[in-house]
PDB file of N, CA and C in Angstrom:
ATOM      1  N   MET A   1      18.372  -7.774  22.767  1.00  0.00           N
ATOM      2  CA  MET A   1      18.758  -7.925  21.213  1.00  0.00           C
ATOM      3  C   MET A   1      20.065  -7.400  20.746  1.00  0.00           C
ATOM      4  N   SER A   2      20.804  -8.388  19.810  1.00  0.00           N
ATOM      5  CA  SER A   2      22.035  -8.074  19.361  1.00  0.00           C
ATOM      6  C   SER A   2      22.151  -7.458  18.151  1.00  0.00           C
ATOM      7  N   LEU A   3      23.038  -6.361  18.075  1.00  0.00           N
ATOM      8  CA  LEU A   3      23.048  -5.613  16.747  1.00  0.00           C
ATOM      9  C   LEU A   3      24.492  -5.881  16.092  1.00  0.00           C
ATOM     10  N   ARG A   4      25.120  -6.900  16.419  1.00  0.00           N
ATOM     11  CA  ARG A   4      26.441  -7.426  15.823  1.00  0.00           C
ATOM     12  C   ARG A   4      26.380  -7.435  14.169  1.00  0.00           C
ATOM     13  N   ASN A   5      25.722  -8.035  13.622  1.00  0.00           N
ATOM     14  CA  ASN A   5      25.531  -8.049  12.224  1.00  0.00           C
ATOM     15  C   ASN A   5      24.607  -7.134  11.674  1.00  0.00           C
ATOM     16  N   SER A   6      24.848  -6.839  10.382  1.00  0.00           N
ATOM     17  CA  SER A   6      23.588  -6.160   9.428  1.00  0.00           C
ATOM     18  C   SER A   6      23.180  -6.962   8.659  1.00  0.00           C
ATOM     19  N   GLY A   7      23.153  -8.124   8.646  1.00  0.00           N
ATOM     20  CA  GLY A   7      22.568  -8.928   7.419  1.00  0.00           C
ATOM     21  C   GLY A   7      21.061  -8.925   7.396  1.00  0.00           C
ATOM     22  N   GLU A   8      20.241  -9.559   6.373  1.00  0.00           N
ATOM     23  CA  GLU A   8      18.941  -9.647   6.301  1.00  0.00           C
ATOM     24  C   GLU A   8      18.278  -9.849   7.587  1.00  0.00           C
ATOM     25  N   ASN A   9      18.753 -10.863   8.315  1.00  0.00           N
ATOM     26  CA  ASN A   9      17.945 -11.359   9.675  1.00  0.00           C
ATOM     27  C   ASN A   9      18.523 -10.661  10.861  1.00  0.00           C
ATOM     28  N   SER A  10      18.914  -9.302  10.532  1.00  0.00           N
ATOM     29  CA  SER A  10      19.468  -8.537  11.872  1.00  0.00           C
ATOM     30  C   SER A  10      17.785  -7.804  12.172  1.00  0.00           C
ATOM     31  N   PRO A  11      17.891  -7.586  13.543  1.00  0.00           N
ATOM     32  CA  PRO A  11      16.531  -6.843  13.864  1.00  0.00           C
ATOM     33  C   PRO A  11      16.490  -5.430  13.235  1.00  0.00           C
ATOM     34  N   LYS A  12      15.040  -5.257  12.950  1.00  0.00           N
ATOM     35  CA  LYS A  12      14.727  -3.917  12.027  1.00  0.00           C
ATOM     36  C   LYS A  12      14.211  -3.174  13.154  1.00  0.00           C
ATOM     37  N   VAL A  13      14.270  -1.762  13.297  1.00  0.00           N
ATOM     38  CA  VAL A  13      14.046  -0.847  14.338  1.00  0.00           C
ATOM     39  C   VAL A  13      13.673   0.411  13.578  1.00  0.00           C
ATOM     40  N   LEU A  14      12.342   1.086  14.151  1.00  0.00           N
ATOM     41  CA  LEU A  14      11.913   2.278  13.595  1.00  0.00           C
ATOM     42  C   LEU A  14      12.309   3.158  14.922  1.00  0.00           C
ATOM     43  N   ALA A  15      13.124   3.958  14.606  1.00  0.00           N
ATOM     44  CA  ALA A  15      13.593   4.961  15.706  1.00  0.00           C
ATOM     45  C   ALA A  15      13.136   6.112  15.490  1.00  0.00           C
ATOM     46  N   LEU A  16      12.555   6.752  16.564  1.00  0.00           N
ATOM     47  CA  LEU A  16      11.801   8.243  16.657  1.00  0.00           C
ATOM     48  C   LEU A  16      12.638   9.214  17.508  1.00  0.00           C
ATOM     49  N   GLU A  17      12.818  10.444  16.890  1.00  0.00           N
ATOM     50  CA  GLU A  17      13.193  11.544  17.782  1.00  0.00           C
ATOM     51  C   GLU A  17      12.448  12.616  17.828  1.00  0.00           C
ATOM     52  N   THR A  18      11.857  12.983  18.851  1.00  0.00           N
ATOM     53  CA  THR A  18      10.827  14.070  19.070  1.00  0.00           C
ATOM     54  C   THR A  18      10.987  15.063  20.109  1.00  0.00           C
ATOM     55  N   SER A  19      12.298  14.994  20.883  1.00  0.00           N
ATOM     56  CA  SER A  19      12.520  15.803  21.988  1.00  0.00           C
ATOM     57  C   SER A  19      13.043  17.391  21.860  1.00  0.00           C
ATOM     58  N   THR A  20      13.170  17.685  20.412  1.00  0.00           N
ATOM     59  CA  THR A  20      13.519  18.809  20.101  1.00  0.00           C
ATOM     60  C   THR A  20      12.732  19.242  18.922  1.00  0.00           C
ATOM     61  N   ALA A  21      12.988  20.550  18.266  1.00  0.00           N
ATOM     62  CA  ALA A  21      12.259  21.155  17.102  1.00  0.00           C
ATOM     63  C   ALA A  21      12.568  20.281  15.987  1.00  0.00           C
ATOM     64  N   LEU A  22      13.551  19.740  15.972  1.00  0.00           N
ATOM     65  CA  LEU A  22      13.670  18.700  14.868  1.00  0.00           C
ATOM     66  C   LEU A  22      13.231  17.171  15.123  1.00  0.00           C
ATOM     67  N   LEU A  23      12.533  16.949  14.264  1.00  0.00           N
ATOM     68  CA  LEU A  23      11.769  15.490  14.251  1.00  0.00           C
ATOM     69  C   LEU A  23      12.680  14.462  13.363  1.00  0.00           C
ATOM     70  N   GLY A  24      12.632  13.317  13.774  1.00  0.00           N
ATOM     71  CA  GLY A  24      13.289  12.322  13.044  1.00  0.00           C
ATOM     72  C   GLY A  24      12.664  11.007  13.217  1.00  0.00           C
ATOM     73  N   ALA A  25      12.616  10.547  11.966  1.00  0.00           N
ATOM     74  CA  ALA A  25      12.168   8.927  12.024  1.00  0.00           C
ATOM     75  C   ALA A  25      13.074   8.303  11.178  1.00  0.00           C
ATOM     76  N   ALA A  26      13.634   6.938  11.693  1.00  0.00           N
ATOM     77  CA  ALA A  26      14.632   6.386  10.929  1.00  0.00           C
ATOM     78  C   ALA A  26      14.173   4.816  10.950  1.00  0.00           C
ATOM     79  N   VAL A  27      14.741   4.005  10.015  1.00  0.00           N
ATOM     80  CA  VAL A  27      14.573   2.628  10.040  1.00  0.00           C
ATOM     81  C   VAL A  27      15.874   2.061  10.015  1.00  0.00           C
ATOM     82  N   VAL A  28      16.562   1.166  10.900  1.00  0.00           N
ATOM     83  CA  VAL A  28      17.655   0.875  10.943  1.00  0.00           C
ATOM     84  C   VAL A  28      17.477  -0.823  10.932  1.00  0.00           C
ATOM     85  N   ARG A  29      18.531  -1.635  10.245  1.00  0.00           N
ATOM     86  CA  ARG A  29      18.677  -2.971  10.396  1.00  0.00           C
ATOM     87  C   ARG A  29      19.843  -3.333  10.826  1.00  0.00           C
ATOM     88  N   GLY A  30      20.113  -3.798  12.112  1.00  0.00           N
ATOM     89  CA  GLY A  30      21.213  -3.708  12.492  1.00  0.00           C
ATOM     90  C   GLY A  30      21.986  -2.875  12.700  1.00  0.00           C
ATOM     91  N   ARG A  31      23.230  -2.532  12.356  1.00  0.00           N
ATOM     92  CA  ARG A  31      23.816  -1.176  12.604  1.00  0.00           C
ATOM     93  C   ARG A  31      23.740  -0.511  11.020  1.00  0.00           C
ATOM     94  N   GLU A  32      22.972  -0.997  10.268  1.00  0.00           N
ATOM     95  CA  GLU A  32      22.791   0.022   9.028  1.00  0.00           C
ATOM     96  C   GLU A  32      21.477   0.831   8.939  1.00  0.00           C
ATOM     97  N   VAL A  33      21.735   2.214   8.738  1.00  0.00           N
ATOM     98  CA  VAL A  33      20.601   3.004   8.632  1.00  0.00           C
ATOM     99  C   VAL A  33      20.215   2.767   7.156  1.00  0.00           C
ATOM    100  N   LEU A  34      18.812   2.221   6.932  1.00  0.00           N
ATOM    101  CA  LEU A  34      17.970   2.073   5.483  1.00  0.00           C
ATOM    102  C   LEU A  34      17.629   3.274   5.130  1.00  0.00           C
ATOM    103  N   VAL A  35      16.921   4.220   6.232  1.00  0.00           N
ATOM    104  CA  VAL A  35      16.220   5.343   5.939  1.00  0.00           C
ATOM    105  C   VAL A  35      16.101   6.176   6.875  1.00  0.00           C
ATOM    106  N   GLU A  36      16.514   7.528   6.829  1.00  0.00           N
ATOM    107  CA  GLU A  36      16.496   8.872   7.893  1.00  0.00           C
ATOM    108  C   GLU A  36      15.571   9.834   7.410  1.00  0.00           C
ATOM    109  N   ILE A  37      14.755  10.335   8.018  1.00  0.00           N
ATOM    110  CA  ILE A  37      13.979  11.472   7.644  1.00  0.00           C
ATOM    111  C   ILE A  37      14.032  12.556   8.828  1.00  0.00           C
ATOM    112  N   ILE A  38      14.662  13.896   8.427  1.00  0.00           N
ATOM    113  CA  ILE A  38      14.607  14.661   9.430  1.00  0.00           C
ATOM    114  C   ILE A  38      14.049  15.916   9.017  1.00  0.00           C
ATOM    115  N   LEU A  39      13.058  16.460  10.040  1.00  0.00           N
ATOM    116  CA  LEU A  39      12.380  17.823   9.617  1.00  0.00           C
ATOM    117  C   LEU A  39      12.562  18.801  10.866  1.00  0.00           C
ATOM    118  N   ASN A  40      12.665  19.881  10.345  1.00  0.00           N
ATOM    119  CA  ASN A  40      12.511  21.055  11.502  1.00  0.00           C
ATOM    120  C   ASN A  40      11.442  21.573  11.281  1.00  0.00           C
ATOM    121  N   THR A  41      10.343  21.090  12.353  1.00  0.00           N
ATOM    122  CA  THR A  41       9.075  21.538  12.432  1.00  0.00           C
ATOM    123  C   THR A  41       8.797  21.996  13.685  1.00  0.00           C
ATOM    124  N   PRO A  42       9.062  23.095  14.311  1.00  0.00           N
ATOM    125  CA  PRO A  42       8.647  23.446  15.660  1.00  0.00           C
ATOM    126  C   PRO A  42       7.032  23.492  15.850  1.00  0.00           C
ATOM    127  N   ASN A  43       6.759  22.638  16.917  1.00  0.00           N
ATOM    128  CA  ASN A  43       5.461  22.656  17.376  1.00  0.00           C
ATOM    129  C   ASN A  43       4.561  22.073  16.403  1.00  0.00           C
ATOM    130  N   GLN A  44       5.007  21.068  15.635  1.00  0.00           N
ATOM    131  CA  GLN A  44       4.105  20.404  14.569  1.00  0.00           C
ATOM    132  C   GLN A  44       4.146  18.934  14.762  1.00  0.00           C
ATOM    133  N   GLY A  45       5.064  18.529  15.720  1.00  0.00           N
ATOM    134  CA  GLY A  45       5.317  17.093  15.761  1.00  0.00           C
ATOM    135  C   GLY A  45       4.077  16.095  15.800  1.00  0.00           C
ATOM    136  N   SER A  46       2.821  16.472  16.332  1.00  0.00           N
ATOM    137  CA  SER A  46       1.968  15.625  16.531  1.00  0.00           C
ATOM    138  C   SER A  46       1.186  15.435  15.114  1.00  0.00           C
ATOM    139  N   SER A  47       1.221  16.516  14.083  1.00  0.00           N
ATOM    140  CA  SER A  47       0.666  16.236  12.893  1.00  0.00           C
ATOM    141  C   SER A  47       1.831  15.565  11.979  1.00  0.00           C
ATOM    142  N   VAL A  48       2.863  15.748  12.138  1.00  0.00           N
ATOM    143  CA  VAL A  48       3.958  15.557  11.080  1.00  0.00           C
ATOM    144  C   VAL A  48       4.696  13.820  11.612  1.00  0.00           C
ATOM    145  N   LEU A  49       4.752  13.387  12.805  1.00  0.00           N
ATOM    146  CA  LEU A  49       5.575  12.332  12.916  1.00  0.00           C
ATOM    147  C   LEU A  49       4.899  11.113  12.200  1.00  0.00           C
ATOM    148  N   LEU A  50       3.763  10.804  12.500  1.00  0.00           N
ATOM    149  CA  LEU A  50       3.197   9.611  12.013  1.00  0.00           C
ATOM    150  C   LEU A  50       3.275   9.697  10.450  1.00  0.00           C
ATOM    151  N   PRO A  51       2.873  10.623   9.597  1.00  0.00           N
ATOM    152  CA  PRO A  51       3.190  10.674   8.314  1.00  0.00           C
ATOM    153  C   PRO A  51       4.858  10.114   7.942  1.00  0.00           C
ATOM    154  N   MET A  52       5.632  10.890   9.036  1.00  0.00           N
ATOM    155  CA  MET A  52       7.064  10.539   8.637  1.00  0.00           C
ATOM    156  C   MET A  52       7.412   9.123   8.740  1.00  0.00           C
ATOM    157  N   CYS A  53       6.717   8.340   9.777  1.00  0.00           N
ATOM    158  CA  CYS A  53       7.028   6.879  10.154  1.00  0.00           C
ATOM    159  C   CYS A  53       6.259   6.200   8.835  1.00  0.00           C
ATOM    160  N   VAL A  54       5.314   6.541   8.470  1.00  0.00           N
ATOM    161  CA  VAL A  54       4.938   5.716   7.474  1.00  0.00           C
ATOM    162  C   VAL A  54       5.754   6.066   6.174  1.00  0.00           C
ATOM    163  N   GLU A  55       6.117   6.927   5.888  1.00  0.00           N
ATOM    164  CA  GLU A  55       7.181   7.214   4.613  1.00  0.00           C
ATOM    165  C   GLU A  55       8.621   6.441   4.936  1.00  0.00           C
ATOM    166  N   ALA A  56       8.878   6.610   6.092  1.00  0.00           N
ATOM    167  CA  ALA A  56      10.216   6.052   6.329  1.00  0.00           C
ATOM    168  C   ALA A  56       9.808   4.246   6.220  1.00  0.00           C
ATOM    169  N   LEU A  57       8.932   4.044   6.687  1.00  0.00           N
ATOM    170  CA  LEU A  57       8.679   2.302   6.361  1.00  0.00           C
ATOM    171  C   LEU A  57       8.551   1.932   4.955  1.00  0.00           C
ATOM    172  N   GLU A  58       7.758   2.813   4.106  1.00  0.00           N
ATOM    173  CA  GLU A  58       7.520   2.598   2.728  1.00  0.00           C
ATOM    174  C   GLU A  58       8.861   2.725   2.112  1.00  0.00           C
ATOM    175  N   ARG A  59       9.563   3.606   2.134  1.00  0.00           N
ATOM    176  CA  ARG A  59      11.054   3.779   1.619  1.00  0.00           C
ATOM    177  C   ARG A  59      11.856   2.725   1.966  1.00  0.00           C
ATOM    178  N   ALA A  60      12.047   2.155   3.015  1.00  0.00           N
ATOM    179  CA  ALA A  60      12.728   1.077   3.531  1.00  0.00           C
ATOM    180  C   ALA A  60      12.083  -0.398   2.942  1.00  0.00           C
ATOM    181  N   GLU A  61      10.915  -0.274   2.525  1.00  0.00           N
ATOM    182  CA  GLU A  61      10.296  -1.355   2.138  1.00  0.00           C
ATOM    183  C   GLU A  61      10.145  -2.595   3.252  1.00  0.00           C
ATOM    184  N   ILE A  62       9.550  -1.919   4.339  1.00  0.00           N
ATOM    185  CA  ILE A  62       9.556  -2.874   5.666  1.00  0.00           C
ATOM    186  C   ILE A  62       7.971  -2.520   6.166  1.00  0.00           C
ATOM    187  N   SER A  63       7.376  -3.462   6.679  1.00  0.00           N
ATOM    188  CA  SER A  63       6.098  -3.302   7.206  1.00  0.00           C
ATOM    189  C   SER A  63       5.998  -3.076   8.669  1.00  0.00           C
ATOM    190  N   LEU A  64       5.062  -2.787   9.628  1.00  0.00           N
ATOM    191  CA  LEU A  64       5.357  -2.739  10.828  1.00  0.00           C
ATOM    192  C   LEU A  64       5.448  -4.162  11.382  1.00  0.00           C
ATOM    193  N   ASN A  65       5.084  -5.191  10.819  1.00  0.00           N
ATOM    194  CA  ASN A  65       5.070  -6.468  11.270  1.00  0.00           C
ATOM    195  C   ASN A  65       6.424  -7.186  11.331  1.00  0.00           C
ATOM    196  N   ASP A  66       7.223  -6.428  10.297  1.00  0.00           N
ATOM    197  CA  ASP A  66       8.778  -6.864  10.370  1.00  0.00           C
ATOM    198  C   ASP A  66       9.464  -6.039  11.225  1.00  0.00           C
ATOM    199  N   LEU A  67       9.148  -5.152  12.052  1.00  0.00           N
ATOM    200  CA  LEU A  67       9.939  -4.497  12.850  1.00  0.00           C
ATOM    201  C   LEU A  67      10.273  -5.591  14.271  1.00  0.00           C
ATOM    202  N   SER A  68      11.374  -5.419  14.779  1.00  0.00           N
ATOM    203  CA  SER A  68      11.766  -5.985  16.170  1.00  0.00           C
ATOM    204  C   SER A  68      11.305  -5.206  17.055  1.00  0.00           C
ATOM    205  N   CYS A  69      11.424  -3.836  16.809  1.00  0.00           N
ATOM    206  CA  CYS A  69      10.996  -2.766  17.945  1.00  0.00           C
ATOM    207  C   CYS A  69      10.705  -1.485  17.466  1.00  0.00           C
ATOM    208  N   ILE A  70      10.338  -0.479  18.395  1.00  0.00           N
ATOM    209  CA  ILE A  70      10.158   0.825  18.421  1.00  0.00           C
ATOM    210  C   ILE A  70      10.798   1.618  19.159  1.00  0.00           C
ATOM    211  N   ALA A  71      11.894   2.565  18.900  1.00  0.00           N
ATOM    212  CA  ALA A  71      12.768   2.977  19.712  1.00  0.00           C
ATOM    213  C   ALA A  71      12.379   4.482  19.713  1.00  0.00           C
ATOM    214  N   VAL A  72      12.408   5.134  20.875  1.00  0.00           N
ATOM    215  CA  VAL A  72      12.011   6.489  21.205  1.00  0.00           C
ATOM    216  C   VAL A  72      13.123   7.287  21.887  1.00  0.00           C
ATOM    217  N   SER A  73      13.518   8.435  21.614  1.00  0.00           N
ATOM    218  CA  SER A  73      14.517   8.937  22.440  1.00  0.00           C
ATOM    219  C   SER A  73      13.892   9.578  23.801  1.00  0.00           C
ATOM    220  N   LYS A  74      14.655   9.497  24.732  1.00  0.00           N
ATOM    221  CA  LYS A  74      14.135   9.940  26.045  1.00  0.00           C
ATOM    222  C   LYS A  74      14.279  11.303  26.554  1.00  0.00           C
ATOM    223  N   GLY A  75      15.066  12.047  25.676  1.00  0.00           N
ATOM    224  CA  GLY A  75      15.431  13.320  25.879  1.00  0.00           C
ATOM    225  C   GLY A  75      16.615  13.572  26.387  1.00  0.00           C
ATOM    226  N   PRO A  76      16.903  14.544  27.223  1.00  0.00           N
ATOM    227  CA  PRO A  76      16.254  15.729  27.591  1.00  0.00           C
ATOM    228  C   PRO A  76      15.606  16.650  26.453  1.00  0.00           C
ATOM    229  N   GLY A  77      14.364  17.117  26.733  1.00  0.00           N
ATOM    230  CA  GLY A  77      13.734  18.046  25.646  1.00  0.00           C
ATOM    231  C   GLY A  77      12.472  18.250  26.130  1.00  0.00           C
ATOM    232  N   SER A  78      11.856  18.543  25.024  1.00  0.00           N
ATOM    233  CA  SER A  78      10.200  19.023  25.584  1.00  0.00           C
ATOM    234  C   SER A  78       9.440  17.919  26.107  1.00  0.00           C
ATOM    235  N   PHE A  79       8.804  18.197  26.980  1.00  0.00           N
ATOM    236  CA  PHE A  79       7.993  17.261  27.553  1.00  0.00           C
ATOM    237  C   PHE A  79       6.857  16.927  26.458  1.00  0.00           C
ATOM    238  N   THR A  80       6.115  17.719  25.892  1.00  0.00           N
ATOM    239  CA  THR A  80       5.205  17.657  25.011  1.00  0.00           C
ATOM    240  C   THR A  80       5.644  16.637  23.693  1.00  0.00           C
ATOM    241  N   GLY A  81       7.026  17.093  23.274  1.00  0.00           N
ATOM    242  CA  GLY A  81       7.578  16.378  22.220  1.00  0.00           C
ATOM    243  C   GLY A  81       7.944  15.140  22.721  1.00  0.00           C
ATOM    244  N   LEU A  82       8.461  14.581  23.803  1.00  0.00           N
ATOM    245  CA  LEU A  82       8.537  13.213  24.261  1.00  0.00           C
ATOM    246  C   LEU A  82       7.483  12.505  24.362  1.00  0.00           C
ATOM    247  N   ARG A  83       6.077  13.066  24.652  1.00  0.00           N
ATOM    248  CA  ARG A  83       4.852  12.492  24.898  1.00  0.00           C
ATOM    249  C   ARG A  83       4.502  12.234  23.600  1.00  0.00           C
ATOM    250  N   ILE A  84       4.684  12.949  22.423  1.00  0.00           N
ATOM    251  CA  ILE A  84       4.101  12.661  21.198  1.00  0.00           C
ATOM    252  C   ILE A  84       5.037  11.310  20.768  1.00  0.00           C
ATOM    253  N   GLY A  85       6.496  11.537  20.998  1.00  0.00           N
ATOM    254  CA  GLY A  85       6.859  10.197  20.512  1.00  0.00           C
ATOM    255  C   GLY A  85       6.602   8.896  21.050  1.00  0.00           C
ATOM    256  N   VAL A  86       6.344   8.928  22.396  1.00  0.00           N
ATOM    257  CA  VAL A  86       5.957   7.788  23.127  1.00  0.00           C
ATOM    258  C   VAL A  86       4.455   7.363  22.677  1.00  0.00           C
ATOM    259  N   ALA A  87       3.702   8.320  22.575  1.00  0.00           N
ATOM    260  CA  ALA A  87       2.378   8.000  22.118  1.00  0.00           C
ATOM    261  C   ALA A  87       2.192   7.080  20.762  1.00  0.00           C
ATOM    262  N   THR A  88       3.140   7.968  20.053  1.00  0.00           N
ATOM    263  CA  THR A  88       3.259   7.493  18.550  1.00  0.00           C
ATOM    264  C   THR A  88       3.803   5.894  18.689  1.00  0.00           C
ATOM    265  N   ALA A  89       4.584   5.863  19.122  1.00  0.00           N
ATOM    266  CA  ALA A  89       5.282   4.428  19.368  1.00  0.00           C
ATOM    267  C   ALA A  89       4.337   3.424  19.639  1.00  0.00           C
ATOM    268  N   GLN A  90       3.673   3.920  21.182  1.00  0.00           N
ATOM    269  CA  GLN A  90       2.573   2.885  21.621  1.00  0.00           C
ATOM    270  C   GLN A  90       1.542   2.725  20.509  1.00  0.00           C
ATOM    271  N   GLY A  91       1.134   3.538  19.809  1.00  0.00           N
ATOM    272  CA  GLY A  91      -0.044   3.330  18.938  1.00  0.00           C
ATOM    273  C   GLY A  91       0.341   2.520  17.699  1.00  0.00           C
ATOM    274  N   LEU A  92       1.624   2.727  17.192  1.00  0.00           N
ATOM    275  CA  LEU A  92       2.151   1.680  16.121  1.00  0.00           C
ATOM    276  C   LEU A  92       2.281   0.631  16.544  1.00  0.00           C
ATOM    277  N   ALA A  93       2.807   0.213  17.800  1.00  0.00           N
ATOM    278  CA  ALA A  93       3.163  -1.145  18.464  1.00  0.00           C
ATOM    279  C   ALA A  93       1.813  -1.968  18.813  1.00  0.00           C
ATOM    280  N   VAL A  94       0.809  -1.530  18.827  1.00  0.00           N
ATOM    281  CA  VAL A  94      -0.409  -2.347  18.842  1.00  0.00           C
ATOM    282  C   VAL A  94      -0.951  -3.136  17.666  1.00  0.00           C
TER     283      VAL A  94
END
């Protein structure tokens, strides 16, 4: 997947960060960040991440079907946090 241009036809990615107390969900098109949400919510990732993803997609006016992929940080960080990120990505990708 090439991210060279940032036009309407560029890949759209939902990016998740869950390896630390800071949770992040962003929607990116090519090299352009359309929406970024960051929350400092220690030990609340499992209840906050999915609503963050929904909000980010709504604010970017993009549906799950419009995404080219979902990216999750691989750490280093909390094993539980990483599991939450990967499980959320897997659930959304189905």
